[in-house]
Amino acid sequence: MENFREIPENDLKIGFLQTNPAFGDKEQNFAQVEHLIGGDLVDILVLPELFATGYTFISKDEVQEYAEDQTGKTTNFLQNIAKSIDGVVIGGYPERQGKNIYNSAMMVDEDGVIENYRKIHLFNKEKLWFTPGNNPYPVVKLKKKDNVKVGMMICFDWIYPEATRTLAMKGADIIAHPTNLVLPYCQNAMITRCISNRVFAITCNRVGEEKREGKFGRDEFLFTGQSQITDVDGEILAHAPKEMADFCIVDINFKKARNKNLNDYNHLFEDRNENLYYH
């Protein structure tokens, strides 16, 4: 088994920022993020899904109103946050491209957008407003951070084990996972996802309620909070409250994720038998 004892135990600062967005008020939501961060430094910071707009849209026209491309206010804001934390920030937003609107997340550093991911697995009425993602799950090597590899997925992607497995097999050490969770299962499921792939995950949720009514009926969403950072052995390194905004940073040895041996005889990827799996 590969030996990591000579590698520093804590060589990367990662964190989540759990917020309580006000629907449609980007400036207030930007201010909340800035206030919670203060002057802290973090190498990789994850914000919630749709952190600047809120979640509960009631029409496609409304989504169009709040959507942006990768040169909009949200990109500029995230770039400034990246400068302030001296790191990389990942946050969700409604992305406009032509006639399509995607539920997307962008990875941004002080120089601009590094990567953009469009949510593949849409949840509930998201199917009425958004186009499913059309690009593969991305994994980005951050050269400024000792070549740590960061993958991206969004919220309901968690329910499909293929999502985390794909990111892990593409080399992700850490999975950035912006969410707006309303179901009670994800946080526990991410323990298994991390164990079965030996990856770190930063699941950043939001808190609060949104109650809105439109042409397609009334929605009342209570977001579950409890953002968490999970390590390769399924240990919860950080856990946020259920009802309050929270900002948390932990130090990790991300190179633990490079070792896919469960024990001296089992390698998580080499032992896979794809010939017997359903396609």
C-alpha atoms as a PDB file:
ATOM      1  CA  MET A   1       0.000   0.000   0.000  1.00  0.00           C
ATOM      2  CA  GLU A   2       1.257   3.471  -0.839  1.00  0.00           C
ATOM      3  CA  ASN A   3       2.731   5.284   2.124  1.00  0.00           C
ATOM      4  CA  PHE A   4       1.806   8.934   2.738  1.00  0.00           C
ATOM      5  CA  ARG A   5       3.463   9.441   6.124  1.00  0.00           C
ATOM      6  CA  GLU A   6       6.169  11.694   4.711  1.00  0.00           C
ATOM      7  CA  ILE A   7       3.616  14.058   3.134  1.00  0.00           C
ATOM      8  CA  PRO A   8       2.573  16.987   5.372  1.00  0.00           C
ATOM      9  CA  GLU A   9      -0.719  16.154   7.026  1.00  0.00           C
ATOM     10  CA  ASN A  10      -2.336  19.509   6.303  1.00  0.00           C
ATOM     11  CA  ASP A  11      -1.330  21.140   3.056  1.00  0.00           C
ATOM     12  CA  LEU A  12      -4.517  22.696   1.634  1.00  0.00           C
ATOM     13  CA  LYS A  13      -7.251  24.910   3.077  1.00  0.00           C
ATOM     14  CA  ILE A  14     -10.737  24.101   1.780  1.00  0.00           C
ATOM     15  CA  GLY A  15     -14.062  25.490   2.888  1.00  0.00           C
ATOM     16  CA  PHE A  16     -17.772  26.079   2.390  1.00  0.00           C
ATOM     17  CA  LEU A  17     -19.886  29.163   2.882  1.00  0.00           C
ATOM     18  CA  GLN A  18     -23.482  28.240   3.724  1.00  0.00           C
ATOM     19  CA  THR A  19     -25.796  31.199   3.083  1.00  0.00           C
ATOM     20  CA  ASN A  20     -29.446  32.239   3.321  1.00  0.00           C
ATOM     21  CA  PRO A  21     -30.135  34.001   0.006  1.00  0.00           C
ATOM     22  CA  ALA A  22     -32.926  36.509  -0.523  1.00  0.00           C
ATOM     23  CA  PHE A  23     -34.721  35.574  -3.715  1.00  0.00           C
ATOM     24  CA  GLY A  24     -33.870  37.894  -6.596  1.00  0.00           C
ATOM     25  CA  ASP A  25     -31.651  40.266  -4.595  1.00  0.00           C
ATOM     26  CA  LYS A  26     -28.169  39.710  -5.976  1.00  0.00           C
ATOM     27  CA  GLU A  27     -26.606  42.700  -4.227  1.00  0.00           C
ATOM     28  CA  GLN A  28     -27.861  41.595  -0.804  1.00  0.00           C
ATOM     29  CA  ASN A  29     -26.677  38.053  -1.445  1.00  0.00           C
ATOM     30  CA  PHE A  30     -23.249  39.282  -2.554  1.00  0.00           C
ATOM     31  CA  ALA A  31     -23.013  41.370   0.615  1.00  0.00           C
ATOM     32  CA  GLN A  32     -23.896  38.361   2.776  1.00  0.00           C
ATOM     33  CA  VAL A  33     -21.048  36.355   1.256  1.00  0.00           C
ATOM     34  CA  GLU A  34     -18.552  39.175   1.795  1.00  0.00           C
ATOM     35  CA  HIS A  35     -19.666  39.630   5.393  1.00  0.00           C
ATOM     36  CA  LEU A  36     -19.363  35.947   6.243  1.00  0.00           C
ATOM     37  CA  ILE A  37     -15.904  35.586   4.709  1.00  0.00           C
ATOM     38  CA  GLY A  38     -14.400  38.590   6.454  1.00  0.00           C
ATOM     39  CA  GLY A  39     -10.656  38.529   5.851  1.00  0.00           C
ATOM     40  CA  ASP A  40     -10.055  34.775   5.857  1.00  0.00           C
ATOM     41  CA  LEU A  41      -7.849  33.040   3.299  1.00  0.00           C
ATOM     42  CA  VAL A  42      -8.816  29.704   1.741  1.00  0.00           C
ATOM     43  CA  ASP A  43      -7.425  27.774  -1.204  1.00  0.00           C
ATOM     44  CA  ILE A  44     -10.737  26.308  -2.426  1.00  0.00           C
ATOM     45  CA  LEU A  45     -14.082  27.766  -1.343  1.00  0.00           C
ATOM     46  CA  VAL A  46     -17.521  26.464  -2.390  1.00  0.00           C
ATOM     47  CA  LEU A  47     -20.730  28.523  -2.329  1.00  0.00           C
ATOM     48  CA  PRO A  48     -24.269  27.157  -2.777  1.00  0.00           C
ATOM     49  CA  GLU A  49     -26.104  26.387  -5.997  1.00  0.00           C
ATOM     50  CA  LEU A  50     -27.766  29.570  -7.409  1.00  0.00           C
ATOM     51  CA  PHE A  51     -26.264  31.466  -4.471  1.00  0.00           C
ATOM     52  CA  ALA A  52     -26.918  34.961  -5.849  1.00  0.00           C
ATOM     53  CA  THR A  53     -30.491  34.574  -7.137  1.00  0.00           C
ATOM     54  CA  GLY A  54     -32.315  32.102  -4.942  1.00  0.00           C
ATOM     55  CA  TYR A  55     -33.838  28.886  -6.203  1.00  0.00           C
ATOM     56  CA  THR A  56     -37.627  28.931  -6.556  1.00  0.00           C
ATOM     57  CA  PHE A  57     -38.322  30.358  -9.985  1.00  0.00           C
ATOM     58  CA  ILE A  58     -41.926  30.462 -11.211  1.00  0.00           C
ATOM     59  CA  SER A  59     -41.491  30.960 -14.961  1.00  0.00           C
ATOM     60  CA  LYS A  60     -38.982  30.640 -17.739  1.00  0.00           C
ATOM     61  CA  ASP A  61     -39.201  34.389 -18.311  1.00  0.00           C
ATOM     62  CA  GLU A  62     -38.151  34.965 -14.698  1.00  0.00           C
ATOM     63  CA  VAL A  63     -35.136  32.687 -15.094  1.00  0.00           C
ATOM     64  CA  GLN A  64     -34.206  34.617 -18.243  1.00  0.00           C
ATOM     65  CA  GLU A  65     -34.375  37.851 -16.265  1.00  0.00           C
ATOM     66  CA  TYR A  66     -31.833  36.675 -13.692  1.00  0.00           C
ATOM     67  CA  ALA A  67     -29.600  34.623 -15.980  1.00  0.00           C
ATOM     68  CA  GLU A  68     -26.101  35.808 -16.947  1.00  0.00           C
ATOM     69  CA  ASP A  69     -23.273  34.800 -19.198  1.00  0.00           C
ATOM     70  CA  GLN A  70     -19.717  34.358 -17.959  1.00  0.00           C
ATOM     71  CA  THR A  71     -19.010  38.093 -18.113  1.00  0.00           C
ATOM     72  CA  GLY A  72     -21.832  39.172 -15.816  1.00  0.00           C
ATOM     73  CA  LYS A  73     -22.117  40.571 -12.286  1.00  0.00           C
ATOM     74  CA  THR A  74     -21.808  37.171 -10.647  1.00  0.00           C
ATOM     75  CA  THR A  75     -18.560  36.394 -12.444  1.00  0.00           C
ATOM     76  CA  ASN A  76     -17.101  39.752 -11.453  1.00  0.00           C
ATOM     77  CA  PHE A  77     -18.185  39.214  -7.867  1.00  0.00           C
ATOM     78  CA  LEU A  78     -16.652  35.750  -7.682  1.00  0.00           C
ATOM     79  CA  GLN A  79     -13.427  37.057  -9.189  1.00  0.00           C
ATOM     80  CA  ASN A  80     -13.220  39.662  -6.431  1.00  0.00           C
ATOM     81  CA  ILE A  81     -13.912  36.983  -3.810  1.00  0.00           C
ATOM     82  CA  ALA A  82     -11.132  34.834  -5.271  1.00  0.00           C
ATOM     83  CA  LYS A  83      -8.745  37.773  -4.903  1.00  0.00           C
ATOM     84  CA  SER A  84      -9.819  38.387  -1.322  1.00  0.00           C
ATOM     85  CA  ILE A  85      -9.332  34.768  -0.234  1.00  0.00           C
ATOM     86  CA  ASP A  86      -6.186  34.269  -2.371  1.00  0.00           C
ATOM     87  CA  GLY A  87      -7.715  31.107  -3.797  1.00  0.00           C
ATOM     88  CA  VAL A  88     -10.374  29.606  -6.034  1.00  0.00           C
ATOM     89  CA  VAL A  89     -14.115  29.961  -5.515  1.00  0.00           C
ATOM     90  CA  ILE A  90     -16.936  27.825  -6.957  1.00  0.00           C
ATOM     91  CA  GLY A  91     -20.500  29.140  -7.002  1.00  0.00           C
ATOM     92  CA  GLY A  92     -23.778  28.387  -8.775  1.00  0.00           C
ATOM     93  CA  TYR A  93     -25.716  30.684 -11.112  1.00  0.00           C
ATOM     94  CA  PRO A  94     -28.312  30.577 -13.928  1.00  0.00           C
ATOM     95  CA  GLU A  95     -26.252  30.670 -17.125  1.00  0.00           C
ATOM     96  CA  ARG A  96     -27.584  32.136 -20.357  1.00  0.00           C
ATOM     97  CA  GLN A  97     -26.282  30.821 -23.666  1.00  0.00           C
ATOM     98  CA  GLY A  98     -28.388  31.754 -26.659  1.00  0.00           C
ATOM     99  CA  LYS A  99     -31.928  30.515 -26.061  1.00  0.00           C
ATOM    100  CA  ASN A 100     -30.829  28.036 -23.405  1.00  0.00           C
ATOM    101  CA  ILE A 101     -30.580  28.595 -19.672  1.00  0.00           C
ATOM    102  CA  TYR A 102     -28.460  26.205 -17.622  1.00  0.00           C
ATOM    103  CA  ASN A 103     -28.235  25.626 -13.893  1.00  0.00           C
ATOM    104  CA  SER A 104     -24.480  26.120 -13.800  1.00  0.00           C
ATOM    105  CA  ALA A 105     -21.532  26.550 -11.469  1.00  0.00           C
ATOM    106  CA  MET A 106     -18.352  28.379 -12.303  1.00  0.00           C
ATOM    107  CA  MET A 107     -14.872  27.964 -10.882  1.00  0.00           C
ATOM    108  CA  VAL A 108     -13.135  31.335 -10.676  1.00  0.00           C
ATOM    109  CA  ASP A 109      -9.734  32.632  -9.630  1.00  0.00           C
ATOM    110  CA  GLU A 110      -8.420  36.188  -9.520  1.00  0.00           C
ATOM    111  CA  ASP A 111      -7.902  36.145 -13.293  1.00  0.00           C
ATOM    112  CA  GLY A 112     -11.417  35.011 -14.206  1.00  0.00           C
ATOM    113  CA  VAL A 113     -13.367  31.847 -15.019  1.00  0.00           C
ATOM    114  CA  ILE A 114     -11.303  28.645 -14.963  1.00  0.00           C
ATOM    115  CA  GLU A 115     -14.140  26.194 -15.621  1.00  0.00           C
ATOM    116  CA  ASN A 116     -17.919  26.142 -16.007  1.00  0.00           C
ATOM    117  CA  TYR A 117     -20.166  23.145 -15.334  1.00  0.00           C
ATOM    118  CA  ARG A 118     -23.807  22.822 -16.411  1.00  0.00           C
ATOM    119  CA  LYS A 119     -25.947  20.628 -14.166  1.00  0.00           C
ATOM    120  CA  ILE A 120     -26.722  17.340 -15.893  1.00  0.00           C
ATOM    121  CA  HIS A 121     -29.373  15.905 -13.561  1.00  0.00           C
ATOM    122  CA  LEU A 122     -32.158  18.458 -13.046  1.00  0.00           C
ATOM    123  CA  PHE A 123     -34.444  18.188 -10.007  1.00  0.00           C
ATOM    124  CA  ASN A 124     -38.202  18.715  -9.910  1.00  0.00           C
ATOM    125  CA  LYS A 125     -39.375  21.907 -11.683  1.00  0.00           C
ATOM    126  CA  GLU A 126     -35.839  22.741 -12.729  1.00  0.00           C
ATOM    127  CA  LYS A 127     -36.830  20.697 -15.779  1.00  0.00           C
ATOM    128  CA  LEU A 128     -39.309  23.457 -16.693  1.00  0.00           C
ATOM    129  CA  TRP A 129     -36.744  26.267 -16.578  1.00  0.00           C
ATOM    130  CA  PHE A 130     -33.341  24.822 -17.402  1.00  0.00           C
ATOM    131  CA  THR A 131     -31.741  22.861 -20.209  1.00  0.00           C
ATOM    132  CA  PRO A 132     -29.840  19.758 -19.010  1.00  0.00           C
ATOM    133  CA  GLY A 133     -26.070  20.104 -19.083  1.00  0.00           C
ATOM    134  CA  ASN A 134     -24.414  19.098 -22.332  1.00  0.00           C
ATOM    135  CA  ASN A 135     -20.764  18.806 -21.293  1.00  0.00           C
ATOM    136  CA  PRO A 136     -18.903  16.061 -19.369  1.00  0.00           C
ATOM    137  CA  TYR A 137     -18.123  16.382 -15.688  1.00  0.00           C
ATOM    138  CA  PRO A 138     -15.005  18.599 -15.462  1.00  0.00           C
ATOM    139  CA  VAL A 139     -11.828  18.069 -13.470  1.00  0.00           C
ATOM    140  CA  VAL A 140      -9.398  20.996 -13.221  1.00  0.00           C
ATOM    141  CA  LYS A 141      -5.754  20.894 -12.167  1.00  0.00           C
ATOM    142  CA  LEU A 142      -4.884  23.939 -10.062  1.00  0.00           C
ATOM    143  CA  LYS A 143      -1.194  24.523 -10.705  1.00  0.00           C
ATOM    144  CA  LYS A 144      -0.930  27.195  -8.017  1.00  0.00           C
ATOM    145  CA  LYS A 145      -2.031  24.634  -5.425  1.00  0.00           C
ATOM    146  CA  ASP A 146       0.524  21.877  -5.986  1.00  0.00           C
ATOM    147  CA  ASN A 147      -1.515  20.423  -8.881  1.00  0.00           C
ATOM    148  CA  VAL A 148      -4.547  19.549  -6.775  1.00  0.00           C
ATOM    149  CA  LYS A 149      -7.345  18.305  -9.049  1.00  0.00           C
ATOM    150  CA  VAL A 150     -10.848  19.629  -8.407  1.00  0.00           C
ATOM    151  CA  GLY A 151     -14.028  18.171  -9.937  1.00  0.00           C
ATOM    152  CA  MET A 152     -17.428  19.822 -10.099  1.00  0.00           C
ATOM    153  CA  MET A 153     -21.010  18.619  -9.797  1.00  0.00           C
ATOM    154  CA  ILE A 154     -24.229  20.313  -8.665  1.00  0.00           C
ATOM    155  CA  CYS A 155     -26.833  19.258  -6.089  1.00  0.00           C
ATOM    156  CA  PHE A 156     -29.034  16.407  -7.454  1.00  0.00           C
ATOM    157  CA  ASP A 157     -26.058  14.930  -9.297  1.00  0.00           C
ATOM    158  CA  TRP A 158     -25.294  13.343  -5.920  1.00  0.00           C
ATOM    159  CA  ILE A 159     -28.065  10.770  -6.317  1.00  0.00           C
ATOM    160  CA  TYR A 160     -26.308   9.213  -9.305  1.00  0.00           C
ATOM    161  CA  PRO A 161     -23.186   7.311  -8.205  1.00  0.00           C
ATOM    162  CA  GLU A 162     -21.931   7.597 -11.781  1.00  0.00           C
ATOM    163  CA  ALA A 163     -21.313  11.317 -11.218  1.00  0.00           C
ATOM    164  CA  THR A 164     -18.839  10.973  -8.354  1.00  0.00           C
ATOM    165  CA  ARG A 165     -17.305   7.840  -9.872  1.00  0.00           C
ATOM    166  CA  THR A 166     -16.710   9.663 -13.169  1.00  0.00           C
ATOM    167  CA  LEU A 167     -15.055  12.592 -11.415  1.00  0.00           C
ATOM    168  CA  ALA A 168     -12.880  10.300  -9.316  1.00  0.00           C
ATOM    169  CA  MET A 169     -11.798   8.222 -12.288  1.00  0.00           C
ATOM    170  CA  LYS A 170     -10.916  11.425 -14.149  1.00  0.00           C
ATOM    171  CA  GLY A 171      -8.500  12.153 -11.313  1.00  0.00           C
ATOM    172  CA  ALA A 172     -10.402  14.478  -8.980  1.00  0.00           C
ATOM    173  CA  ASP A 173      -8.890  14.736  -5.504  1.00  0.00           C
ATOM    174  CA  ILE A 174     -11.697  16.999  -4.301  1.00  0.00           C
ATOM    175  CA  ILE A 175     -15.281  17.322  -5.540  1.00  0.00           C
ATOM    176  CA  ALA A 176     -16.799  20.798  -5.293  1.00  0.00           C
ATOM    177  CA  HIS A 177     -20.526  20.313  -4.797  1.00  0.00           C
ATOM    178  CA  PRO A 178     -22.739  23.449  -4.674  1.00  0.00           C
ATOM    179  CA  THR A 179     -26.269  22.498  -3.569  1.00  0.00           C
ATOM    180  CA  ASN A 180     -29.761  23.714  -2.677  1.00  0.00           C
ATOM    181  CA  LEU A 181     -30.846  20.577  -0.858  1.00  0.00           C
ATOM    182  CA  VAL A 182     -34.422  19.977   0.284  1.00  0.00           C
ATOM    183  CA  LEU A 183     -34.327  16.172   0.550  1.00  0.00           C
ATOM    184  CA  PRO A 184     -32.794  14.766   3.776  1.00  0.00           C
ATOM    185  CA  TYR A 185     -30.521  12.138   2.201  1.00  0.00           C
ATOM    186  CA  CYS A 186     -27.564  13.782   0.503  1.00  0.00           C
ATOM    187  CA  GLN A 187     -25.306  14.504   3.452  1.00  0.00           C
ATOM    188  CA  ASN A 188     -25.297  10.853   4.515  1.00  0.00           C
ATOM    189  CA  ALA A 189     -25.002   9.631   0.937  1.00  0.00           C
ATOM    190  CA  MET A 190     -21.853  11.687   0.401  1.00  0.00           C
ATOM    191  CA  ILE A 191     -20.135   9.606   3.083  1.00  0.00           C
ATOM    192  CA  THR A 192     -20.579   6.527   0.904  1.00  0.00           C
ATOM    193  CA  ARG A 193     -19.692   8.408  -2.284  1.00  0.00           C
ATOM    194  CA  CYS A 194     -16.389   9.511  -0.752  1.00  0.00           C
ATOM    195  CA  ILE A 195     -15.544   6.098   0.694  1.00  0.00           C
ATOM    196  CA  SER A 196     -16.262   4.225  -2.543  1.00  0.00           C
ATOM    197  CA  ASN A 197     -14.082   6.626  -4.572  1.00  0.00           C
ATOM    198  CA  ARG A 198     -11.589   7.802  -1.935  1.00  0.00           C
ATOM    199  CA  VAL A 199     -12.160  11.470  -2.703  1.00  0.00           C
ATOM    200  CA  PHE A 200     -12.776  14.571  -0.618  1.00  0.00           C
ATOM    201  CA  ALA A 201     -16.086  16.400  -1.126  1.00  0.00           C
ATOM    202  CA  ILE A 202     -17.161  19.921  -0.242  1.00  0.00           C
ATOM    203  CA  THR A 203     -20.971  19.892  -0.192  1.00  0.00           C
ATOM    204  CA  CYS A 204     -22.154  23.479   0.260  1.00  0.00           C
ATOM    205  CA  ASN A 205     -25.864  23.888   0.922  1.00  0.00           C
ATOM    206  CA  ARG A 206     -28.045  26.874   1.829  1.00  0.00           C
ATOM    207  CA  VAL A 207     -30.608  27.504   4.578  1.00  0.00           C
ATOM    208  CA  GLY A 208     -33.943  29.282   4.788  1.00  0.00           C
ATOM    209  CA  GLU A 209     -37.337  28.952   3.118  1.00  0.00           C
ATOM    210  CA  GLU A 210     -38.739  30.003  -0.228  1.00  0.00           C
ATOM    211  CA  LYS A 211     -42.519  30.071  -0.804  1.00  0.00           C
ATOM    212  CA  ARG A 212     -43.674  31.128  -4.250  1.00  0.00           C
ATOM    213  CA  GLU A 213     -46.671  30.516  -6.477  1.00  0.00           C
ATOM    214  CA  GLY A 214     -46.941  30.663 -10.254  1.00  0.00           C
ATOM    215  CA  LYS A 215     -48.591  29.121 -13.301  1.00  0.00           C
ATOM    216  CA  PHE A 216     -47.297  25.653 -12.400  1.00  0.00           C
ATOM    217  CA  GLY A 217     -48.495  25.714  -8.792  1.00  0.00           C
ATOM    218  CA  ARG A 218     -47.126  26.619  -5.388  1.00  0.00           C
ATOM    219  CA  ASP A 219     -43.702  25.628  -4.099  1.00  0.00           C
ATOM    220  CA  GLU A 220     -42.638  25.683  -0.453  1.00  0.00           C
ATOM    221  CA  PHE A 221     -39.017  24.695  -0.026  1.00  0.00           C
ATOM    222  CA  LEU A 222     -37.250  24.385   3.313  1.00  0.00           C
ATOM    223  CA  PHE A 223     -33.535  24.040   2.636  1.00  0.00           C
ATOM    224  CA  THR A 224     -31.717  21.621   4.893  1.00  0.00           C
ATOM    225  CA  GLY A 225     -28.379  23.383   5.541  1.00  0.00           C
ATOM    226  CA  GLN A 226     -25.867  20.996   7.111  1.00  0.00           C
ATOM    227  CA  SER A 227     -23.143  21.674   4.587  1.00  0.00           C
ATOM    228  CA  GLN A 228     -20.232  19.336   5.100  1.00  0.00           C
ATOM    229  CA  ILE A 229     -16.693  18.476   4.127  1.00  0.00           C
ATOM    230  CA  THR A 230     -16.164  14.729   3.826  1.00  0.00           C
ATOM    231  CA  ASP A 231     -12.782  13.033   3.622  1.00  0.00           C
ATOM    232  CA  VAL A 232     -11.688   9.938   1.705  1.00  0.00           C
ATOM    233  CA  ASP A 233     -12.562   7.622   4.599  1.00  0.00           C
ATOM    234  CA  GLY A 234     -16.045   9.059   5.056  1.00  0.00           C
ATOM    235  CA  GLU A 235     -15.134  11.129   8.104  1.00  0.00           C
ATOM    236  CA  ILE A 236     -17.021  14.414   8.412  1.00  0.00           C
ATOM    237  CA  LEU A 237     -14.321  17.059   8.787  1.00  0.00           C
ATOM    238  CA  ALA A 238     -16.750  19.975   9.054  1.00  0.00           C
ATOM    239  CA  HIS A 239     -20.519  20.167   9.486  1.00  0.00           C
ATOM    240  CA  ALA A 240     -22.714  23.280   9.380  1.00  0.00           C
ATOM    241  CA  PRO A 241     -25.931  23.895  11.339  1.00  0.00           C
ATOM    242  CA  LYS A 242     -29.351  23.142   9.865  1.00  0.00           C
ATOM    243  CA  GLU A 243     -30.835  26.637  10.097  1.00  0.00           C
ATOM    244  CA  MET A 244     -27.984  29.180  10.190  1.00  0.00           C
ATOM    245  CA  ALA A 245     -25.513  30.627   7.719  1.00  0.00           C
ATOM    246  CA  ASP A 246     -22.018  29.325   8.345  1.00  0.00           C
ATOM    247  CA  PHE A 247     -18.456  29.657   7.057  1.00  0.00           C
ATOM    248  CA  CYS A 248     -15.980  26.872   7.718  1.00  0.00           C
ATOM    249  CA  ILE A 249     -12.401  26.116   6.642  1.00  0.00           C
ATOM    250  CA  VAL A 250     -10.441  22.934   7.272  1.00  0.00           C
ATOM    251  CA  ASP A 251      -6.888  21.874   6.447  1.00  0.00           C
ATOM    252  CA  ILE A 252      -6.498  18.640   4.502  1.00  0.00           C
ATOM    253  CA  ASN A 253      -3.798  16.487   2.976  1.00  0.00           C
ATOM    254  CA  PHE A 254      -5.434  16.192  -0.441  1.00  0.00           C
ATOM    255  CA  LYS A 255      -2.846  13.637  -1.603  1.00  0.00           C
ATOM    256  CA  LYS A 256      -4.658  11.005   0.473  1.00  0.00           C
ATOM    257  CA  ALA A 257      -7.109  10.889  -2.459  1.00  0.00           C
ATOM    258  CA  ARG A 258      -4.341   9.653  -4.770  1.00  0.00           C
ATOM    259  CA  ASN A 259      -4.261   6.313  -2.942  1.00  0.00           C
ATOM    260  CA  LYS A 260      -7.177   4.137  -4.113  1.00  0.00           C
ATOM    261  CA  ASN A 261      -6.189   1.104  -2.052  1.00  0.00           C
ATOM    262  CA  LEU A 262      -8.838   0.125   0.469  1.00  0.00           C
ATOM    263  CA  ASN A 263      -6.417  -2.415   1.955  1.00  0.00           C
ATOM    264  CA  ASP A 264      -3.391  -4.423   0.838  1.00  0.00           C
ATOM    265  CA  TYR A 265      -5.489  -6.486  -1.591  1.00  0.00           C
ATOM    266  CA  ASN A 266      -8.303  -4.215  -2.832  1.00  0.00           C
ATOM    267  CA  HIS A 267      -7.841  -1.300  -5.219  1.00  0.00           C
ATOM    268  CA  LEU A 268     -11.124   0.535  -5.749  1.00  0.00           C
ATOM    269  CA  PHE A 269     -10.626   1.127  -9.468  1.00  0.00           C
ATOM    270  CA  GLU A 270      -8.428  -1.781 -10.555  1.00  0.00           C
ATOM    271  CA  ASP A 271     -10.858  -4.306  -9.036  1.00  0.00           C
ATOM    272  CA  ARG A 272     -13.808  -3.053 -11.074  1.00  0.00           C
ATOM    273  CA  ASN A 273     -15.262  -5.648 -13.480  1.00  0.00           C
ATOM    274  CA  GLU A 274     -16.981  -3.598 -16.152  1.00  0.00           C
ATOM    275  CA  ASN A 275     -17.789  -6.668 -18.244  1.00  0.00           C
ATOM    276  CA  LEU A 276     -20.370  -7.713 -15.656  1.00  0.00           C
ATOM    277  CA  TYR A 277     -21.938  -4.292 -15.097  1.00  0.00           C
ATOM    278  CA  TYR A 278     -25.157  -3.198 -16.775  1.00  0.00           C
ATOM    279  CA  HIS A 279     -24.674  -0.731 -19.655  1.00  0.00           C
END
